Amino acid sequence: MNGTVMKKYAAPLVAAVLAAAGLGAAGPAVAAAAAPTAAQPASLRLMPLGDSITWGVGSPSGNSYRGFLWNELAAEGHALDFVGSGRNGPMSDPDNEGHSGWRIDQIAGIADSVLATYRPNVVTLEIGTNDLNGNYQPTTATDRLSALIDQITNDAPDATVLVGTLIVSTATTEEQYRADFNAKLPGIVQAKQAAGKHVRLVDMSALTPSDLSDALHPNDNGYSKMADAFNAGVQAADAAGWINAPAALGAPVKSGISGKCLDVNTGSSANGTKVQVWGCNNTAAQLWSARSDGTLRALGKCLDATAGDTANGTPVEIWDCNGGGNQTWQPYNGGYRNPASGRCLDDPASSTTDGTQLELWDCNGGANQQWTTLPVS
C-alpha cells in the first residue's frame, strides 16, 4: 500500500478506535497525540482509590497494581508520592486508599476527608466490583459512580481522575452486570470532559480469566496489566497538559491562645460539625487550607458562620462549600474577619477548654481572635 493510501485510511481508523473507546474526536487521547511530549514529566501526588483490588488482594506481595505502576512512573522520570490513609505491601511507597469489600457509596463517604487531607493531583479509581457482586442496586451503580467522580472533581478541582473499567471476573453475579456497567462508562466520562473536568477512561479489557487469582482479584500478571493501563492514562493526561503541580497541603491554624488550634470536632466531615479550639495535634481535623476564593477548608468542607447569621455569638461550623458570604474569611489584624458580618473568628472568653465552639464576635484584636494565617493556595 503506498503512502497516500495509508494516509487515506489511517485517520478514519484512528477515529474509529477512539470512538469505540468512548473518547470521541475531542477526547484527551487526540489531545495527547497532537501535543508534544512533555519536556519534564509531571510531579505526581497520586491517590490509588478503590476496593480490595486497589488494596492488593490476590497479589502475593500485596502491592496490587500500585507496585508495578510506581516502577513504571519512576522509570519515566516522574517525581512520585503515592498517598492515602492505608499502607499495604513491601513497595517503597505503599500509601493508598484501597478498602476491601467497599462499594461506591462507601468510598464516597470518605472521599471528602481523604481528598482534603492528601490533595492528590492524580486519582486512579477502580470501584464498582462489590456493588455488582453483592447485587447492591446494580442497575444504578453507574449513577453512583458518576456522582462519585463529581465529588472527587469538586473536592480536588486540580486533579486528573483516571476511571478504570471493571476487570473481568469469574463470579456469576458480577458478570451478569459488568458488561452493561462498563458500556455506560464512556458516556459518563465524555460528559465530565464536556463540563471541563479532567476525567479519562482507562480500559482494563486486557485482563483475561487467566490473570485472576480468584473469582474477583487479579494475580500479579493481571495487576501488571492494570498498571500498564493506568500508566498509559497518566502519560496521555500529562501530554495533554492536564496534570497540575501538586497543591499545597493544609496546615494547622494556631490560636493566639497558647497550645490551641482550629479544630473540627471528632474529625467528622458531616455538615454542621462544630469548629472548636483543641490542643494542637496535627491530625486531619486540624489541617486547613486557605483558598484563593477566601474560604478556609478542612476535611473537604468550608468554615461557615451558621445559617448565614451575622450577630455576635453566631456559632461557627463546617458545611459544604457554596460560595456564600458566611464562608468568606479575610486576614484581618492577625486573625480572620468575615466581611458579610464585619465580625471576627473568636474563641469565646479566651477559653482554653478543649471543645469550646468558636463564634463570630466584634473584632477586638485579642489573643482569642489571633489565628496564624495560611498562604493562599
Protein backbone atom coordinates (compact mmCIF):
# COMPACT_ATOMS: atom_id res chain seq x y z
CA MET A 1 0.00 0.00 0.00
CA ASN A 2 1.52 3.36 -0.96
CA GLY A 3 1.88 6.31 1.46
CA THR A 4 -1.12 8.21 0.06
CA VAL A 5 -3.42 5.24 0.51
CA MET A 6 -2.08 4.61 4.01
CA LYS A 7 -2.80 8.21 4.99
CA LYS A 8 -6.26 7.96 3.46
CA TYR A 9 -7.24 5.08 5.74
CA ALA A 10 -5.17 5.87 8.83
CA ALA A 11 -7.17 8.86 10.07
CA PRO A 12 -10.60 7.18 9.81
CA LEU A 13 -9.18 4.10 11.53
CA VAL A 14 -7.81 6.17 14.42
CA ALA A 15 -11.13 8.00 14.74
CA ALA A 16 -13.00 4.71 14.80
CA VAL A 17 -10.75 3.30 17.52
CA LEU A 18 -11.18 6.42 19.63
CA ALA A 19 -14.93 6.35 19.17
CA ALA A 20 -15.01 2.71 20.24
CA ALA A 21 -13.11 3.65 23.38
CA GLY A 22 -15.69 6.33 24.12
CA LEU A 23 -13.26 9.20 23.77
CA GLY A 24 -14.56 10.99 20.70
CA ALA A 25 -12.83 13.49 18.47
CA ALA A 26 -12.37 15.99 21.27
CA GLY A 27 -11.20 13.42 23.83
CA PRO A 28 -7.87 13.57 25.62
CA ALA A 29 -6.37 10.78 23.51
CA VAL A 30 -6.49 13.10 20.50
CA ALA A 31 -5.01 15.91 22.54
CA ALA A 32 -2.27 13.57 23.70
CA ALA A 33 -1.47 12.57 20.14
CA ALA A 34 -1.41 16.17 18.94
CA ALA A 35 0.58 17.61 21.84
CA PRO A 36 4.35 17.33 22.04
CA THR A 37 5.81 15.09 24.70
CA ALA A 38 6.18 16.97 27.97
CA ALA A 39 9.72 18.28 28.38
CA GLN A 40 9.68 17.24 32.04
CA PRO A 41 7.35 14.52 33.32
CA ALA A 42 4.83 15.91 35.78
CA SER A 43 5.33 15.59 39.52
CA LEU A 44 2.67 13.23 40.82
CA ARG A 45 0.87 13.05 44.14
CA LEU A 46 -1.19 10.04 43.18
CA MET A 47 -4.04 8.51 45.18
CA PRO A 48 -4.91 4.89 44.32
CA LEU A 49 -8.62 4.81 45.27
CA GLY A 50 -10.96 1.85 45.33
CA ASP A 51 -11.67 -1.52 46.91
CA SER A 52 -9.66 -4.70 47.57
CA ILE A 53 -8.20 -4.65 44.06
CA THR A 54 -6.54 -1.34 44.93
CA TRP A 55 -5.51 -2.71 48.33
CA GLY A 56 -3.88 -5.72 46.69
CA VAL A 57 -5.89 -8.86 47.45
CA GLY A 58 -4.62 -11.63 45.17
CA SER A 59 -1.18 -10.08 44.83
CA PRO A 60 1.40 -12.31 46.58
CA SER A 61 3.19 -9.20 47.85
CA GLY A 62 0.10 -7.09 48.46
CA ASN A 63 1.50 -4.41 46.15
CA SER A 64 -1.51 -4.59 43.79
CA TYR A 65 -1.09 -2.68 40.54
CA ARG A 66 0.48 0.04 42.64
CA GLY A 67 3.94 -1.54 42.77
CA PHE A 68 4.12 -2.02 39.02
CA LEU A 69 2.72 1.46 38.37
CA TRP A 70 5.24 3.06 40.74
CA ASN A 71 8.12 1.38 38.94
CA GLU A 72 6.87 2.44 35.52
CA LEU A 73 6.28 6.05 36.53
CA ALA A 74 9.64 6.30 38.30
CA ALA A 75 11.43 4.89 35.24
CA GLU A 76 9.73 7.55 33.11
CA GLY A 77 11.12 10.31 35.31
CA HIS A 78 8.11 11.37 37.36
CA ALA A 79 8.69 12.68 40.88
CA LEU A 80 6.34 10.45 42.86
CA ASP A 81 4.32 10.41 46.04
CA PHE A 82 1.53 7.85 46.43
CA VAL A 83 -0.93 8.99 49.09
CA GLY A 84 -3.76 7.58 51.18
CA SER A 85 -4.65 6.58 54.72
CA GLY A 86 -3.68 2.90 54.29
CA ARG A 87 -0.39 1.12 53.63
CA ASN A 88 -0.05 -2.35 52.11
CA GLY A 89 2.80 -4.27 50.52
CA PRO A 90 6.60 -4.01 50.73
CA MET A 91 6.90 -1.43 47.93
CA SER A 92 8.81 1.72 48.82
CA ASP A 93 5.66 3.89 48.95
CA PRO A 94 2.67 1.67 49.88
CA ASP A 95 0.24 4.51 50.74
CA ASN A 96 -3.17 4.03 49.17
CA GLU A 97 -6.91 4.45 49.69
CA GLY A 98 -8.00 0.89 48.94
CA HIS A 99 -10.73 -0.61 51.16
CA SER A 100 -11.53 -4.30 50.90
CA GLY A 101 -15.19 -5.07 50.38
CA TRP A 102 -16.26 -1.46 49.90
CA ARG A 103 -18.89 -0.26 47.46
CA ILE A 104 -19.06 3.03 45.59
CA ASP A 105 -21.20 4.71 48.26
CA GLN A 106 -18.74 3.75 50.98
CA ILE A 107 -15.84 5.29 49.06
CA ALA A 108 -17.99 8.41 48.63
CA GLY A 109 -18.39 8.52 52.40
CA ILE A 110 -14.67 9.09 52.97
CA ALA A 111 -13.80 10.97 49.77
CA ASP A 112 -14.24 14.49 51.14
CA SER A 113 -11.94 13.86 54.05
CA VAL A 114 -9.13 11.95 52.32
CA LEU A 115 -9.03 14.24 49.29
CA ALA A 116 -8.82 17.30 51.52
CA THR A 117 -6.09 15.71 53.61
CA TYR A 118 -3.87 14.44 50.79
CA ARG A 119 -4.81 16.75 47.87
CA PRO A 120 -3.72 14.41 45.04
CA ASN A 121 -3.20 15.73 41.53
CA VAL A 122 -3.97 12.28 40.05
CA VAL A 123 -6.56 9.76 41.26
CA THR A 124 -6.62 6.21 39.89
CA LEU A 125 -10.16 4.98 40.52
CA GLU A 126 -11.19 1.32 40.31
CA ILE A 127 -14.54 0.75 42.03
CA GLY A 128 -17.86 -0.99 41.49
CA THR A 129 -16.97 -4.68 41.79
CA ASN A 130 -18.62 -5.04 45.19
CA ASP A 131 -21.77 -3.22 44.09
CA LEU A 132 -22.26 -5.74 41.30
CA ASN A 133 -21.00 -8.88 43.01
CA GLY A 134 -23.04 -8.06 46.13
CA ASN A 135 -26.11 -7.37 43.99
CA TYR A 136 -26.31 -3.92 45.64
CA GLN A 137 -28.62 -1.86 43.41
CA PRO A 138 -26.56 -2.90 40.36
CA THR A 139 -28.69 -1.09 37.78
CA THR A 140 -27.91 2.30 39.37
CA ALA A 141 -24.25 1.60 40.17
CA THR A 142 -23.03 3.80 37.33
CA ASP A 143 -25.18 6.65 38.64
CA ARG A 144 -23.37 6.36 41.94
CA LEU A 145 -20.04 6.23 40.15
CA SER A 146 -20.89 9.37 38.17
CA ALA A 147 -21.77 11.17 41.40
CA LEU A 148 -18.51 9.97 42.99
CA ILE A 149 -16.50 11.33 40.08
CA ASP A 150 -18.26 14.69 40.51
CA GLN A 151 -17.47 14.58 44.22
CA ILE A 152 -13.79 13.93 43.53
CA THR A 153 -13.51 16.69 40.94
CA ASN A 154 -15.31 19.13 43.24
CA ASP A 155 -13.11 18.26 46.20
CA ALA A 156 -9.92 18.24 44.13
CA PRO A 157 -10.61 20.51 41.13
CA ASP A 158 -6.95 20.46 40.07
CA ALA A 159 -6.81 16.66 39.96
CA THR A 160 -6.95 14.34 36.97
CA VAL A 161 -9.23 11.35 37.58
CA LEU A 162 -8.43 8.11 35.74
CA VAL A 163 -11.51 5.88 35.80
CA GLY A 164 -10.80 2.19 35.27
CA THR A 165 -13.37 -0.11 33.72
CA LEU A 166 -14.21 -3.15 35.85
CA ILE A 167 -11.86 -6.04 35.25
CA VAL A 168 -13.05 -9.47 34.11
CA SER A 169 -14.26 -11.85 36.81
CA THR A 170 -15.50 -15.41 37.04
CA ALA A 171 -18.18 -14.51 39.58
CA THR A 172 -21.58 -15.21 38.03
CA THR A 173 -23.32 -12.46 39.98
CA GLU A 174 -20.90 -9.75 38.90
CA GLU A 175 -20.53 -10.92 35.32
CA GLN A 176 -24.24 -10.61 34.58
CA TYR A 177 -23.97 -6.86 35.21
CA ARG A 178 -20.35 -6.00 34.32
CA ALA A 179 -20.71 -5.55 30.54
CA ASP A 180 -23.59 -3.10 30.96
CA PHE A 181 -21.71 -1.22 33.70
CA ASN A 182 -18.61 -0.84 31.54
CA ALA A 183 -20.63 0.12 28.45
CA LYS A 184 -22.00 3.16 30.28
CA LEU A 185 -18.63 4.48 31.40
CA PRO A 186 -17.53 6.12 28.11
CA GLY A 187 -20.64 8.31 28.06
CA ILE A 188 -20.14 9.27 31.70
CA VAL A 189 -16.52 10.20 31.07
CA GLN A 190 -17.37 12.17 27.93
CA ALA A 191 -19.95 14.18 29.89
CA LYS A 192 -17.37 15.06 32.53
CA GLN A 193 -14.89 16.13 29.84
CA ALA A 194 -17.57 18.25 28.17
CA ALA A 195 -18.04 20.00 31.52
CA GLY A 196 -14.33 20.85 31.52
CA LYS A 197 -13.24 18.22 34.02
CA HIS A 198 -10.03 16.26 33.68
CA VAL A 199 -11.52 12.77 33.70
CA ARG A 200 -10.21 9.98 31.49
CA LEU A 201 -11.41 6.43 30.85
CA VAL A 202 -8.87 3.63 31.37
CA ASP A 203 -9.70 0.38 29.60
CA MET A 204 -8.94 -2.75 31.63
CA SER A 205 -10.12 -5.22 28.99
CA ALA A 206 -6.58 -6.61 28.52
CA LEU A 207 -7.13 -8.74 31.61
CA THR A 208 -8.46 -12.26 30.98
CA PRO A 209 -9.61 -15.02 33.38
CA SER A 210 -6.06 -16.39 33.34
CA ASP A 211 -4.97 -13.13 35.01
CA LEU A 212 -7.11 -13.81 38.10
CA SER A 213 -6.04 -15.27 41.44
CA ASP A 214 -9.66 -15.99 42.38
CA ALA A 215 -13.10 -15.07 41.08
CA LEU A 216 -12.62 -11.32 41.57
CA HIS A 217 -8.99 -10.38 42.12
CA PRO A 218 -6.02 -10.27 39.74
CA ASN A 219 -2.82 -12.17 40.14
CA ASP A 220 0.39 -10.24 39.62
CA ASN A 221 0.21 -10.71 35.86
CA GLY A 222 -3.22 -9.09 35.93
CA TYR A 223 -2.02 -6.33 38.25
CA SER A 224 0.85 -5.66 35.86
CA LYS A 225 -1.65 -5.19 33.04
CA MET A 226 -3.69 -2.81 35.20
CA ALA A 227 -0.54 -0.81 35.89
CA ASP A 228 0.19 -0.58 32.16
CA ALA A 229 -3.32 0.75 31.54
CA PHE A 230 -3.21 3.34 34.33
CA ASN A 231 0.29 4.38 33.25
CA ALA A 232 -0.94 4.97 29.70
CA GLY A 233 -3.67 7.16 31.17
CA VAL A 234 -1.15 9.17 33.18
CA GLN A 235 1.08 9.69 30.15
CA ALA A 236 -1.80 10.79 27.92
CA ALA A 237 -3.09 13.20 30.57
CA ASP A 238 0.41 14.60 31.07
CA ALA A 239 0.94 15.09 27.35
CA ALA A 240 -2.44 16.85 27.15
CA GLY A 241 -1.32 19.32 29.83
CA TRP A 242 -3.88 18.11 32.32
CA ILE A 243 -1.65 17.35 35.29
CA ASN A 244 -1.08 20.36 37.51
CA ALA A 245 1.63 20.65 40.13
CA PRO A 246 0.50 19.16 43.45
CA ALA A 247 -1.40 21.70 45.53
CA ALA A 248 -0.08 22.91 48.85
CA LEU A 249 -1.23 20.68 51.69
CA GLY A 250 -3.23 22.02 54.60
CA ALA A 251 -1.52 23.02 57.83
CA PRO A 252 -2.58 23.72 61.39
CA VAL A 253 -4.08 27.11 62.17
CA LYS A 254 -2.76 28.05 65.58
CA SER A 255 -4.66 30.17 68.05
CA GLY A 256 -3.24 33.10 69.96
CA ILE A 257 -4.18 31.05 73.00
CA SER A 258 -1.04 29.00 73.66
CA GLY A 259 -1.13 25.39 72.56
CA LYS A 260 -4.56 25.57 70.92
CA CYS A 261 -5.53 25.05 67.28
CA LEU A 262 -8.53 25.45 64.98
CA ASP A 263 -10.16 22.02 65.06
CA VAL A 264 -13.15 20.16 63.56
CA ASN A 265 -14.94 18.21 66.28
CA THR A 266 -14.06 14.48 66.20
CA GLY A 267 -12.64 14.89 62.67
CA SER A 268 -16.14 14.50 61.22
CA SER A 269 -16.84 15.94 57.77
CA ALA A 270 -20.62 16.00 58.35
CA ASN A 271 -22.37 19.29 57.65
CA GLY A 272 -22.94 21.22 60.88
CA THR A 273 -19.97 19.75 62.76
CA LYS A 274 -18.77 22.39 65.20
CA VAL A 275 -15.42 24.11 64.80
CA GLN A 276 -13.65 24.45 68.12
CA VAL A 277 -10.38 25.04 69.93
CA TRP A 278 -8.38 21.94 70.77
CA GLY A 279 -4.85 21.07 71.72
CA CYS A 280 -2.68 21.08 68.61
CA ASN A 281 -2.16 17.52 67.37
CA ASN A 282 -1.58 17.80 63.58
CA THR A 283 -4.45 15.43 62.75
CA ALA A 284 -6.62 15.82 59.64
CA ALA A 285 -9.18 17.63 61.81
CA GLN A 286 -6.66 20.47 62.18
CA LEU A 287 -5.31 20.69 58.64
CA TRP A 288 -6.74 23.79 56.94
CA SER A 289 -6.05 25.38 53.58
CA ALA A 290 -6.71 29.00 52.75
CA ARG A 291 -8.08 29.12 49.21
CA SER A 292 -7.96 31.93 46.69
CA ASP A 293 -11.77 32.28 46.88
CA GLY A 294 -11.49 33.39 50.51
CA THR A 295 -12.59 30.12 52.05
CA LEU A 296 -10.90 28.19 54.82
CA ARG A 297 -11.27 24.45 54.22
CA ALA A 298 -10.77 21.28 56.21
CA LEU A 299 -11.93 17.73 55.53
CA GLY A 300 -13.38 18.89 52.21
CA LYS A 301 -15.75 21.40 53.82
CA CYS A 302 -15.74 25.16 54.42
CA LEU A 303 -15.58 27.15 57.63
CA ASP A 304 -19.12 28.50 57.91
CA ALA A 305 -21.00 31.01 60.10
CA THR A 306 -24.12 29.02 60.97
CA ALA A 307 -27.21 29.73 58.88
CA GLY A 308 -25.62 32.87 57.46
CA ASP A 309 -26.20 34.72 60.73
CA THR A 310 -24.12 37.83 61.36
CA ALA A 311 -24.82 38.56 65.06
CA ASN A 312 -22.29 38.41 67.85
CA GLY A 313 -22.20 34.87 69.20
CA THR A 314 -23.10 33.15 65.92
CA PRO A 315 -21.53 29.68 66.18
CA VAL A 316 -19.07 28.51 63.57
CA GLU A 317 -19.17 25.08 61.91
CA ILE A 318 -18.18 23.31 58.72
CA TRP A 319 -20.52 22.99 55.75
CA ASP A 320 -20.47 22.15 52.07
CA CYS A 321 -18.69 24.95 50.23
CA ASN A 322 -21.36 27.02 48.49
CA GLY A 323 -19.85 30.43 47.77
CA GLY A 324 -21.90 32.15 50.46
CA GLY A 325 -20.68 35.26 52.21
CA ASN A 326 -20.82 33.39 55.51
CA GLN A 327 -17.97 31.20 54.21
CA THR A 328 -15.60 34.02 53.27
CA TRP A 329 -12.76 34.92 55.63
CA GLN A 330 -10.24 37.71 55.18
CA PRO A 331 -6.94 38.06 57.03
CA TYR A 332 -7.51 40.91 59.49
CA ASN A 333 -5.44 42.24 62.39
CA GLY A 334 -3.74 38.89 62.92
CA GLY A 335 -6.93 36.86 62.61
CA TYR A 336 -9.84 36.16 60.27
CA ARG A 337 -12.72 38.51 59.59
CA ASN A 338 -15.99 37.54 57.93
CA PRO A 339 -16.82 40.51 55.63
CA ALA A 340 -20.52 39.62 55.43
CA SER A 341 -20.90 40.29 59.14
CA GLY A 342 -17.90 42.52 59.77
CA ARG A 343 -17.07 40.26 62.72
CA CYS A 344 -14.08 38.08 63.53
CA LEU A 345 -13.45 34.41 64.27
CA ASP A 346 -13.43 34.33 68.06
CA ASP A 347 -12.68 31.90 70.88
CA PRO A 348 -15.38 32.86 73.45
CA ALA A 349 -13.98 34.41 76.61
CA SER A 350 -10.49 33.29 75.62
CA SER A 351 -11.40 29.76 76.65
CA THR A 352 -8.61 27.22 76.99
CA THR A 353 -11.08 24.34 77.33
CA ASP A 354 -10.84 21.78 74.55
CA GLY A 355 -14.12 21.57 72.67
CA THR A 356 -15.14 25.22 73.04
CA GLN A 357 -17.05 26.13 69.89
CA LEU A 358 -15.85 29.20 68.05
CA GLU A 359 -18.14 32.06 67.11
CA LEU A 360 -18.40 35.43 65.42
CA TRP A 361 -17.64 38.48 67.58
CA ASP A 362 -16.79 42.12 67.13
CA CYS A 363 -13.16 42.38 66.08
CA ASN A 364 -11.01 43.47 69.00
CA GLY A 365 -7.50 42.21 68.28
CA GLY A 366 -7.41 39.97 71.36
CA ALA A 367 -5.34 36.80 71.58
CA ASN A 368 -8.59 34.84 71.30
CA GLN A 369 -9.01 36.29 67.78
CA GLN A 370 -5.45 35.67 66.65
CA TRP A 371 -5.04 32.85 64.12
CA THR A 372 -1.88 32.06 62.23
CA THR A 373 -2.61 32.93 58.60
CA LEU A 374 -2.01 30.25 55.99
CA PRO A 375 -0.73 31.10 52.50
CA VAL A 376 -3.33 31.15 49.72
CA SER A 377 -3.11 28.00 47.59
